Amino acid sequence: MPGLPILHRDLTAALDEIEALIAEPELDQLRLSRVRLYISKVNGERRNKVDALCEELSRQATGIFAEQLAALRQSNIEKRIEYTVHVGTWGPREVAADWPGYCRASVTLARSIREQIAIEQALLCMTSESADPLALSDPRGYMGRQLPNQDIGAPHGHPSRPHLR
């Protein structure tokens, strides 16, 4: 099974694709079926990976981190139910019968999955090996020193904002 960052990347790309599909006025049943199947596969792998990581980390976690892991595991269960209900409600016939309704429901589900991914990334993917030292450093710059072309308070990697100087 791929690592969690790869699963997040693949799932986010698939969500981008389904959001492009549901922005269309007409249903493309074949493309939608393919994307839904792929999302189901990757989302299931992601949930399993999160469960395994939470279980592994929980063995030694204490305090706030242990509570966050427990909350993430519970949230993972709730998202699994939410996803299952969505898929059960919106079969191919139901989608064809109410394309605008499916689109609205899918926007809500995609937002929910993206929020879950953000939580997982913050809790499970930010290790000292994978963390960006610039993103985690003092907002004044790396190790407290402002970098060239870095505005104080500007997120790392974003263009400078001279109007804030």
N, C-alpha and C. Protein backbone atom coordinates (compact mmCIF):
# COMPACT_ATOMS: atom_id res chain seq x y z
N MET A 1 0.85 -1.17 0.00
CA MET A 1 0.00 0.00 0.00
C MET A 1 0.90 1.24 0.00
N PRO A 2 0.56 2.21 -0.86
CA PRO A 2 1.36 3.44 -0.89
C PRO A 2 1.28 4.20 0.43
N GLY A 3 2.22 5.11 0.62
CA GLY A 3 2.21 5.92 1.82
C GLY A 3 1.06 6.91 1.81
N LEU A 4 0.77 7.43 3.00
CA LEU A 4 -0.35 8.35 3.15
C LEU A 4 -0.23 9.60 2.29
N PRO A 5 0.94 10.24 2.20
CA PRO A 5 1.01 11.43 1.32
C PRO A 5 0.67 11.12 -0.13
N ILE A 6 1.05 9.95 -0.62
CA ILE A 6 0.73 9.57 -2.00
C ILE A 6 -0.77 9.33 -2.13
N LEU A 7 -1.37 8.68 -1.16
CA LEU A 7 -2.82 8.45 -1.19
C LEU A 7 -3.57 9.78 -1.13
N HIS A 8 -3.10 10.70 -0.31
CA HIS A 8 -3.71 12.04 -0.25
C HIS A 8 -3.63 12.73 -1.61
N ARG A 9 -2.45 12.66 -2.22
CA ARG A 9 -2.26 13.29 -3.53
C ARG A 9 -3.20 12.69 -4.58
N ASP A 10 -3.27 11.36 -4.61
CA ASP A 10 -4.11 10.69 -5.60
C ASP A 10 -5.59 10.97 -5.36
N LEU A 11 -5.99 10.96 -4.10
CA LEU A 11 -7.39 11.22 -3.78
C LEU A 11 -7.76 12.67 -4.10
N THR A 12 -6.87 13.59 -3.80
CA THR A 12 -7.13 15.00 -4.11
C THR A 12 -7.26 15.21 -5.62
N ALA A 13 -6.41 14.56 -6.39
CA ALA A 13 -6.50 14.65 -7.85
C ALA A 13 -7.82 14.08 -8.36
N ALA A 14 -8.26 12.97 -7.78
CA ALA A 14 -9.53 12.38 -8.18
C ALA A 14 -10.71 13.28 -7.78
N LEU A 15 -10.61 13.92 -6.63
CA LEU A 15 -11.65 14.87 -6.22
C LEU A 15 -11.69 16.06 -7.18
N ASP A 16 -10.53 16.51 -7.62
CA ASP A 16 -10.47 17.59 -8.61
C ASP A 16 -11.21 17.16 -9.88
N GLU A 17 -10.99 15.92 -10.28
CA GLU A 17 -11.62 15.43 -11.50
C GLU A 17 -13.14 15.32 -11.34
N ILE A 18 -13.58 14.81 -10.21
CA ILE A 18 -15.04 14.69 -10.04
C ILE A 18 -15.68 16.07 -9.91
N GLU A 19 -14.97 17.02 -9.31
CA GLU A 19 -15.50 18.38 -9.22
C GLU A 19 -15.60 19.02 -10.61
N ALA A 20 -14.66 18.70 -11.50
CA ALA A 20 -14.75 19.18 -12.88
C ALA A 20 -15.95 18.55 -13.58
N LEU A 21 -16.17 17.27 -13.33
CA LEU A 21 -17.31 16.58 -13.95
C LEU A 21 -18.65 17.15 -13.48
N ILE A 22 -18.76 17.39 -12.19
CA ILE A 22 -20.05 17.87 -11.68
C ILE A 22 -20.28 19.35 -11.99
N ALA A 23 -19.26 20.02 -12.49
CA ALA A 23 -19.44 21.40 -12.94
C ALA A 23 -20.05 21.45 -14.34
N GLU A 24 -20.06 20.31 -15.01
CA GLU A 24 -20.64 20.23 -16.36
C GLU A 24 -22.16 20.18 -16.27
N PRO A 25 -22.84 20.77 -17.24
CA PRO A 25 -24.32 20.76 -17.21
C PRO A 25 -24.93 19.38 -17.49
N GLU A 26 -24.19 18.55 -18.21
CA GLU A 26 -24.70 17.23 -18.59
C GLU A 26 -23.87 16.13 -17.94
N LEU A 27 -24.52 15.05 -17.62
CA LEU A 27 -23.90 13.88 -17.02
C LEU A 27 -23.09 13.11 -18.06
N ASP A 28 -21.85 12.78 -17.74
CA ASP A 28 -21.02 11.88 -18.53
C ASP A 28 -20.89 10.61 -17.69
N GLN A 29 -21.83 9.69 -17.88
CA GLN A 29 -21.95 8.51 -17.03
C GLN A 29 -20.69 7.66 -17.00
N LEU A 30 -20.05 7.48 -18.14
CA LEU A 30 -18.86 6.64 -18.21
C LEU A 30 -17.71 7.24 -17.40
N ARG A 31 -17.42 8.51 -17.65
CA ARG A 31 -16.33 9.16 -16.89
C ARG A 31 -16.66 9.20 -15.40
N LEU A 32 -17.90 9.52 -15.07
CA LEU A 32 -18.29 9.59 -13.66
C LEU A 32 -18.11 8.23 -12.99
N SER A 33 -18.52 7.16 -13.65
CA SER A 33 -18.37 5.82 -13.08
C SER A 33 -16.90 5.48 -12.83
N ARG A 34 -16.05 5.81 -13.79
CA ARG A 34 -14.62 5.53 -13.64
C ARG A 34 -14.02 6.31 -12.46
N VAL A 35 -14.36 7.59 -12.37
CA VAL A 35 -13.80 8.41 -11.29
C VAL A 35 -14.34 7.95 -9.94
N ARG A 36 -15.62 7.64 -9.87
CA ARG A 36 -16.19 7.17 -8.60
C ARG A 36 -15.54 5.87 -8.15
N LEU A 37 -15.29 4.96 -9.09
CA LEU A 37 -14.64 3.70 -8.75
C LEU A 37 -13.22 3.95 -8.23
N TYR A 38 -12.50 4.85 -8.88
CA TYR A 38 -11.14 5.16 -8.45
C TYR A 38 -11.14 5.83 -7.07
N ILE A 39 -12.05 6.77 -6.87
CA ILE A 39 -12.15 7.43 -5.56
C ILE A 39 -12.45 6.41 -4.47
N SER A 40 -13.34 5.49 -4.76
CA SER A 40 -13.70 4.46 -3.78
C SER A 40 -12.47 3.63 -3.40
N LYS A 41 -11.68 3.25 -4.40
CA LYS A 41 -10.48 2.45 -4.16
C LYS A 41 -9.46 3.23 -3.32
N VAL A 42 -9.13 4.43 -3.75
CA VAL A 42 -8.10 5.22 -3.06
C VAL A 42 -8.58 5.65 -1.68
N ASN A 43 -9.83 6.02 -1.58
CA ASN A 43 -10.38 6.45 -0.29
C ASN A 43 -10.36 5.29 0.71
N GLY A 44 -10.67 4.09 0.27
CA GLY A 44 -10.60 2.93 1.14
C GLY A 44 -9.18 2.65 1.60
N GLU A 45 -8.23 2.75 0.68
CA GLU A 45 -6.82 2.56 1.05
C GLU A 45 -6.37 3.62 2.05
N ARG A 46 -6.80 4.86 1.82
CA ARG A 46 -6.45 5.96 2.73
C ARG A 46 -7.00 5.71 4.12
N ARG A 47 -8.26 5.31 4.21
CA ARG A 47 -8.87 5.04 5.52
C ARG A 47 -8.13 3.92 6.25
N ASN A 48 -7.80 2.86 5.52
CA ASN A 48 -7.07 1.75 6.14
C ASN A 48 -5.69 2.18 6.61
N LYS A 49 -5.02 3.00 5.81
CA LYS A 49 -3.69 3.49 6.18
C LYS A 49 -3.78 4.38 7.42
N VAL A 50 -4.79 5.24 7.47
CA VAL A 50 -4.97 6.12 8.64
C VAL A 50 -5.25 5.28 9.88
N ASP A 51 -6.10 4.28 9.76
CA ASP A 51 -6.38 3.41 10.91
C ASP A 51 -5.10 2.74 11.41
N ALA A 52 -4.31 2.24 10.47
CA ALA A 52 -3.07 1.56 10.86
C ALA A 52 -2.08 2.52 11.52
N LEU A 53 -1.94 3.71 10.95
CA LEU A 53 -1.03 4.70 11.54
C LEU A 53 -1.50 5.14 12.92
N CYS A 54 -2.80 5.37 13.06
CA CYS A 54 -3.34 5.78 14.36
C CYS A 54 -3.11 4.69 15.40
N GLU A 55 -3.35 3.45 15.01
CA GLU A 55 -3.14 2.34 15.94
C GLU A 55 -1.67 2.26 16.36
N GLU A 56 -0.79 2.38 15.38
CA GLU A 56 0.64 2.30 15.67
C GLU A 56 1.09 3.45 16.58
N LEU A 57 0.67 4.66 16.26
CA LEU A 57 1.09 5.83 17.04
C LEU A 57 0.43 5.86 18.42
N SER A 58 -0.76 5.31 18.52
CA SER A 58 -1.48 5.32 19.79
C SER A 58 -0.79 4.50 20.87
N ARG A 59 0.00 3.54 20.46
CA ARG A 59 0.69 2.68 21.43
C ARG A 59 1.63 3.48 22.32
N GLN A 60 2.18 4.56 21.80
CA GLN A 60 3.14 5.34 22.58
C GLN A 60 2.70 6.77 22.82
N ALA A 61 1.58 7.16 22.24
CA ALA A 61 1.12 8.54 22.38
C ALA A 61 0.56 8.80 23.77
N THR A 62 0.74 10.02 24.23
CA THR A 62 0.19 10.43 25.52
C THR A 62 -0.40 11.82 25.38
N GLY A 63 -1.17 12.20 26.36
CA GLY A 63 -1.69 13.57 26.45
C GLY A 63 -2.55 13.98 25.27
N ILE A 64 -2.32 15.21 24.84
CA ILE A 64 -3.10 15.82 23.75
C ILE A 64 -2.97 15.00 22.47
N PHE A 65 -1.77 14.53 22.16
CA PHE A 65 -1.57 13.78 20.92
C PHE A 65 -2.40 12.50 20.93
N ALA A 66 -2.47 11.83 22.06
CA ALA A 66 -3.30 10.61 22.16
C ALA A 66 -4.77 10.95 21.95
N GLU A 67 -5.21 12.07 22.49
CA GLU A 67 -6.60 12.50 22.30
C GLU A 67 -6.86 12.85 20.83
N GLN A 68 -5.91 13.50 20.18
CA GLN A 68 -6.06 13.84 18.78
C GLN A 68 -6.14 12.58 17.90
N LEU A 69 -5.32 11.60 18.21
CA LEU A 69 -5.36 10.34 17.46
C LEU A 69 -6.70 9.64 17.63
N ALA A 70 -7.22 9.63 18.87
CA ALA A 70 -8.53 9.01 19.12
C ALA A 70 -9.62 9.74 18.35
N ALA A 71 -9.55 11.07 18.35
CA ALA A 71 -10.54 11.86 17.62
C ALA A 71 -10.44 11.60 16.11
N LEU A 72 -9.22 11.46 15.61
CA LEU A 72 -9.02 11.17 14.19
C LEU A 72 -9.60 9.81 13.83
N ARG A 73 -9.38 8.82 14.67
CA ARG A 73 -9.94 7.49 14.39
C ARG A 73 -11.47 7.55 14.37
N GLN A 74 -12.07 8.29 15.31
CA GLN A 74 -13.53 8.43 15.34
C GLN A 74 -14.02 9.17 14.09
N SER A 75 -13.31 10.21 13.72
CA SER A 75 -13.67 10.96 12.52
C SER A 75 -13.56 10.10 11.27
N ASN A 76 -12.56 9.25 11.23
CA ASN A 76 -12.38 8.34 10.11
C ASN A 76 -13.58 7.40 9.97
N ILE A 77 -14.09 6.93 11.09
CA ILE A 77 -15.29 6.07 11.08
C ILE A 77 -16.49 6.86 10.57
N GLU A 78 -16.66 8.09 11.08
CA GLU A 78 -17.79 8.92 10.66
C GLU A 78 -17.73 9.24 9.17
N LYS A 79 -16.54 9.52 8.65
CA LYS A 79 -16.38 9.82 7.22
C LYS A 79 -16.67 8.57 6.38
N ARG A 80 -16.30 7.41 6.90
CA ARG A 80 -16.60 6.16 6.19
C ARG A 80 -18.11 5.99 6.05
N ILE A 81 -18.84 6.26 7.11
CA ILE A 81 -20.30 6.17 7.08
C ILE A 81 -20.87 7.20 6.12
N GLU A 82 -20.38 8.44 6.20
CA GLU A 82 -20.85 9.49 5.30
C GLU A 82 -20.65 9.11 3.84
N TYR A 83 -19.48 8.57 3.52
CA TYR A 83 -19.18 8.16 2.15
C TYR A 83 -20.08 7.01 1.71
N THR A 84 -20.26 6.02 2.59
CA THR A 84 -21.09 4.87 2.27
C THR A 84 -22.55 5.29 2.02
N VAL A 85 -23.05 6.19 2.83
CA VAL A 85 -24.43 6.68 2.65
C VAL A 85 -24.54 7.41 1.31
N HIS A 86 -23.56 8.22 0.98
CA HIS A 86 -23.58 8.95 -0.29
C HIS A 86 -23.62 7.97 -1.48
N VAL A 87 -22.73 7.00 -1.46
CA VAL A 87 -22.67 6.03 -2.56
C VAL A 87 -23.97 5.23 -2.63
N GLY A 88 -24.51 4.85 -1.47
CA GLY A 88 -25.77 4.10 -1.45
C GLY A 88 -26.95 4.92 -1.94
N THR A 89 -26.95 6.19 -1.64
CA THR A 89 -28.04 7.07 -2.05
C THR A 89 -27.97 7.39 -3.53
N TRP A 90 -26.77 7.56 -4.04
CA TRP A 90 -26.58 8.02 -5.41
C TRP A 90 -26.02 6.92 -6.30
N GLY A 91 -26.85 5.93 -6.61
CA GLY A 91 -26.50 4.92 -7.60
C GLY A 91 -26.62 5.51 -9.00
N PRO A 92 -26.22 4.76 -10.02
CA PRO A 92 -26.26 5.29 -11.39
C PRO A 92 -27.64 5.78 -11.83
N ARG A 93 -28.68 5.07 -11.46
CA ARG A 93 -30.03 5.51 -11.86
C ARG A 93 -30.44 6.81 -11.16
N GLU A 94 -30.09 6.91 -9.88
CA GLU A 94 -30.44 8.11 -9.12
C GLU A 94 -29.67 9.32 -9.64
N VAL A 95 -28.41 9.10 -10.00
CA VAL A 95 -27.60 10.20 -10.54
C VAL A 95 -28.21 10.67 -11.86
N ALA A 96 -28.57 9.73 -12.73
CA ALA A 96 -29.15 10.08 -14.02
C ALA A 96 -30.49 10.80 -13.85
N ALA A 97 -31.26 10.41 -12.86
CA ALA A 97 -32.57 11.01 -12.63
C ALA A 97 -32.49 12.41 -12.03
N ASP A 98 -31.43 12.68 -11.23
CA ASP A 98 -31.32 13.97 -10.56
C ASP A 98 -29.86 14.45 -10.56
N TRP A 99 -29.36 14.78 -11.75
CA TRP A 99 -27.98 15.22 -11.89
C TRP A 99 -27.68 16.45 -11.02
N PRO A 100 -28.53 17.49 -11.02
CA PRO A 100 -28.23 18.65 -10.16
C PRO A 100 -28.19 18.29 -8.67
N GLY A 101 -29.06 17.40 -8.23
CA GLY A 101 -29.05 16.97 -6.83
C GLY A 101 -27.79 16.21 -6.49
N TYR A 102 -27.35 15.35 -7.40
CA TYR A 102 -26.10 14.62 -7.19
C TYR A 102 -24.92 15.58 -7.12
N CYS A 103 -24.92 16.56 -7.99
CA CYS A 103 -23.83 17.54 -8.00
C CYS A 103 -23.74 18.26 -6.66
N ARG A 104 -24.87 18.70 -6.13
CA ARG A 104 -24.88 19.39 -4.83
C ARG A 104 -24.36 18.46 -3.72
N ALA A 105 -24.84 17.23 -3.72
CA ALA A 105 -24.42 16.26 -2.69
C ALA A 105 -22.92 15.95 -2.82
N SER A 106 -22.43 15.89 -4.03
CA SER A 106 -21.01 15.57 -4.26
C SER A 106 -20.09 16.71 -3.85
N VAL A 107 -20.53 17.93 -4.03
CA VAL A 107 -19.73 19.08 -3.58
C VAL A 107 -19.55 19.00 -2.07
N THR A 108 -20.63 18.69 -1.37
CA THR A 108 -20.57 18.58 0.09
C THR A 108 -19.64 17.45 0.51
N LEU A 109 -19.75 16.30 -0.15
CA LEU A 109 -18.90 15.15 0.20
C LEU A 109 -17.43 15.45 -0.11
N ALA A 110 -17.14 16.04 -1.26
CA ALA A 110 -15.76 16.36 -1.62
C ALA A 110 -15.16 17.32 -0.60
N ARG A 111 -15.93 18.30 -0.17
CA ARG A 111 -15.44 19.25 0.84
C ARG A 111 -15.12 18.51 2.14
N SER A 112 -15.98 17.59 2.53
CA SER A 112 -15.78 16.81 3.74
C SER A 112 -14.51 15.96 3.66
N ILE A 113 -14.30 15.32 2.52
CA ILE A 113 -13.10 14.49 2.34
C ILE A 113 -11.85 15.36 2.36
N ARG A 114 -11.90 16.52 1.72
CA ARG A 114 -10.74 17.42 1.72
C ARG A 114 -10.42 17.90 3.14
N GLU A 115 -11.44 18.18 3.93
CA GLU A 115 -11.21 18.59 5.32
C GLU A 115 -10.55 17.46 6.10
N GLN A 116 -10.99 16.23 5.87
CA GLN A 116 -10.40 15.08 6.54
C GLN A 116 -8.94 14.91 6.14
N ILE A 117 -8.65 15.09 4.87
CA ILE A 117 -7.26 14.99 4.39
C ILE A 117 -6.39 16.03 5.07
N ALA A 118 -6.89 17.25 5.20
CA ALA A 118 -6.11 18.32 5.85
C ALA A 118 -5.80 17.97 7.30
N ILE A 119 -6.76 17.39 7.99
CA ILE A 119 -6.55 16.98 9.39
C ILE A 119 -5.51 15.86 9.45
N GLU A 120 -5.64 14.89 8.57
CA GLU A 120 -4.68 13.79 8.55
C GLU A 120 -3.27 14.28 8.24
N GLN A 121 -3.16 15.19 7.29
CA GLN A 121 -1.84 15.73 6.94
C GLN A 121 -1.22 16.44 8.14
N ALA A 122 -2.02 17.22 8.83
CA ALA A 122 -1.50 17.97 9.98
C ALA A 122 -1.07 17.05 11.11
N LEU A 123 -1.81 15.98 11.31
CA LEU A 123 -1.55 15.11 12.45
C LEU A 123 -0.59 13.96 12.14
N LEU A 124 -0.68 13.40 10.95
CA LEU A 124 0.07 12.18 10.65
C LEU A 124 1.24 12.36 9.69
N CYS A 125 1.24 13.41 8.92
CA CYS A 125 2.27 13.56 7.88
C CYS A 125 3.35 14.55 8.24
N MET A 126 3.19 15.30 9.29
CA MET A 126 4.18 16.32 9.64
C MET A 126 5.20 15.74 10.62
N THR A 127 6.14 15.02 10.07
CA THR A 127 7.24 14.50 10.88
C THR A 127 8.44 15.39 10.67
N SER A 128 9.44 15.24 11.49
CA SER A 128 10.62 16.08 11.35
C SER A 128 11.31 15.82 10.01
N GLU A 129 11.16 14.62 9.44
CA GLU A 129 11.79 14.32 8.16
C GLU A 129 11.04 14.95 7.00
N SER A 130 9.70 15.06 7.10
CA SER A 130 8.93 15.55 5.97
C SER A 130 8.51 17.00 6.12
N ALA A 131 8.74 17.60 7.26
CA ALA A 131 8.30 18.97 7.48
C ALA A 131 9.16 19.95 6.72
N ASP A 132 8.55 20.99 6.24
CA ASP A 132 9.25 22.08 5.57
C ASP A 132 9.73 23.04 6.65
N PRO A 133 11.05 23.15 6.87
CA PRO A 133 11.52 24.00 7.97
C PRO A 133 11.11 25.45 7.81
N LEU A 134 10.94 25.92 6.58
CA LEU A 134 10.52 27.30 6.38
C LEU A 134 9.07 27.49 6.80
N ALA A 135 8.23 26.50 6.53
CA ALA A 135 6.83 26.62 6.89
C ALA A 135 6.64 26.54 8.40
N LEU A 136 7.54 25.83 9.08
CA LEU A 136 7.38 25.64 10.52
C LEU A 136 8.16 26.65 11.35
N SER A 137 8.98 27.46 10.68
CA SER A 137 9.82 28.39 11.42
C SER A 137 9.04 29.62 11.85
N ASP A 138 9.73 30.48 12.53
CA ASP A 138 9.18 31.76 12.96
C ASP A 138 8.63 32.50 11.74
N PRO A 139 7.49 33.18 11.85
CA PRO A 139 6.92 33.86 10.68
C PRO A 139 7.83 34.95 10.11
N ARG A 140 8.84 35.36 10.86
CA ARG A 140 9.76 36.37 10.34
C ARG A 140 10.74 35.76 9.36
N GLY A 141 10.76 34.45 9.19
CA GLY A 141 11.68 33.82 8.25
C GLY A 141 12.37 32.65 8.90
N TYR A 142 13.21 31.99 8.13
CA TYR A 142 13.91 30.81 8.59
C TYR A 142 14.79 31.16 9.78
N MET A 143 14.58 30.44 10.88
CA MET A 143 15.33 30.63 12.11
C MET A 143 15.28 32.08 12.59
N GLY A 144 14.15 32.75 12.32
CA GLY A 144 13.96 34.11 12.80
C GLY A 144 14.53 35.18 11.90
N ARG A 145 15.18 34.79 10.78
CA ARG A 145 15.75 35.76 9.86
C ARG A 145 14.86 35.85 8.63
N GLN A 146 14.56 37.05 8.20
CA GLN A 146 13.75 37.21 7.01
C GLN A 146 14.56 36.80 5.80
N LEU A 147 13.94 36.00 4.94
CA LEU A 147 14.61 35.54 3.73
C LEU A 147 14.42 36.57 2.61
N PRO A 148 15.29 36.55 1.62
CA PRO A 148 15.10 37.45 0.48
C PRO A 148 13.73 37.21 -0.15
N ASN A 149 13.05 38.27 -0.52
CA ASN A 149 11.73 38.22 -1.16
C ASN A 149 10.66 37.56 -0.30
N GLN A 150 10.88 37.50 0.98
CA GLN A 150 9.86 36.93 1.87
C GLN A 150 9.26 38.06 2.69
N ASP A 151 7.97 38.24 2.55
CA ASP A 151 7.29 39.24 3.36
C ASP A 151 7.02 38.68 4.73
N ILE A 152 7.11 39.51 5.71
CA ILE A 152 6.75 39.09 7.06
C ILE A 152 5.26 38.78 7.05
N GLY A 153 4.92 37.62 7.46
CA GLY A 153 3.52 37.20 7.51
C GLY A 153 3.01 36.57 6.23
N ALA A 154 3.77 36.63 5.14
CA ALA A 154 3.34 35.99 3.90
C ALA A 154 3.62 34.50 3.98
N PRO A 155 2.67 33.67 3.59
CA PRO A 155 2.91 32.23 3.61
C PRO A 155 4.08 31.86 2.71
N HIS A 156 4.85 30.88 3.12
CA HIS A 156 6.01 30.43 2.36
C HIS A 156 5.59 30.02 0.96
N GLY A 157 6.33 30.48 -0.01
CA GLY A 157 6.07 30.08 -1.38
C GLY A 157 5.11 31.01 -2.12
N HIS A 158 4.53 31.98 -1.46
CA HIS A 158 3.62 32.90 -2.10
C HIS A 158 4.38 34.14 -2.54
N PRO A 159 3.89 34.83 -3.56
CA PRO A 159 4.60 36.03 -4.03
C PRO A 159 4.62 37.11 -2.96
N SER A 160 5.59 37.99 -3.10
CA SER A 160 5.69 39.07 -2.14
C SER A 160 4.49 39.99 -2.26
N ARG A 161 4.18 40.66 -1.19
CA ARG A 161 3.05 41.58 -1.17
C ARG A 161 3.57 42.95 -0.73
N PRO A 162 4.11 43.75 -1.66
CA PRO A 162 4.76 45.01 -1.29
C PRO A 162 3.81 45.98 -0.59
N HIS A 163 2.53 45.87 -0.82
CA HIS A 163 1.58 46.79 -0.19
C HIS A 163 1.51 46.59 1.32
N LEU A 164 2.09 45.50 1.83
CA LEU A 164 2.07 45.25 3.28
C LEU A 164 3.30 45.77 3.97
N ARG A 165 4.27 46.26 3.24
CA ARG A 165 5.53 46.73 3.84
C ARG A 165 5.34 48.05 4.53
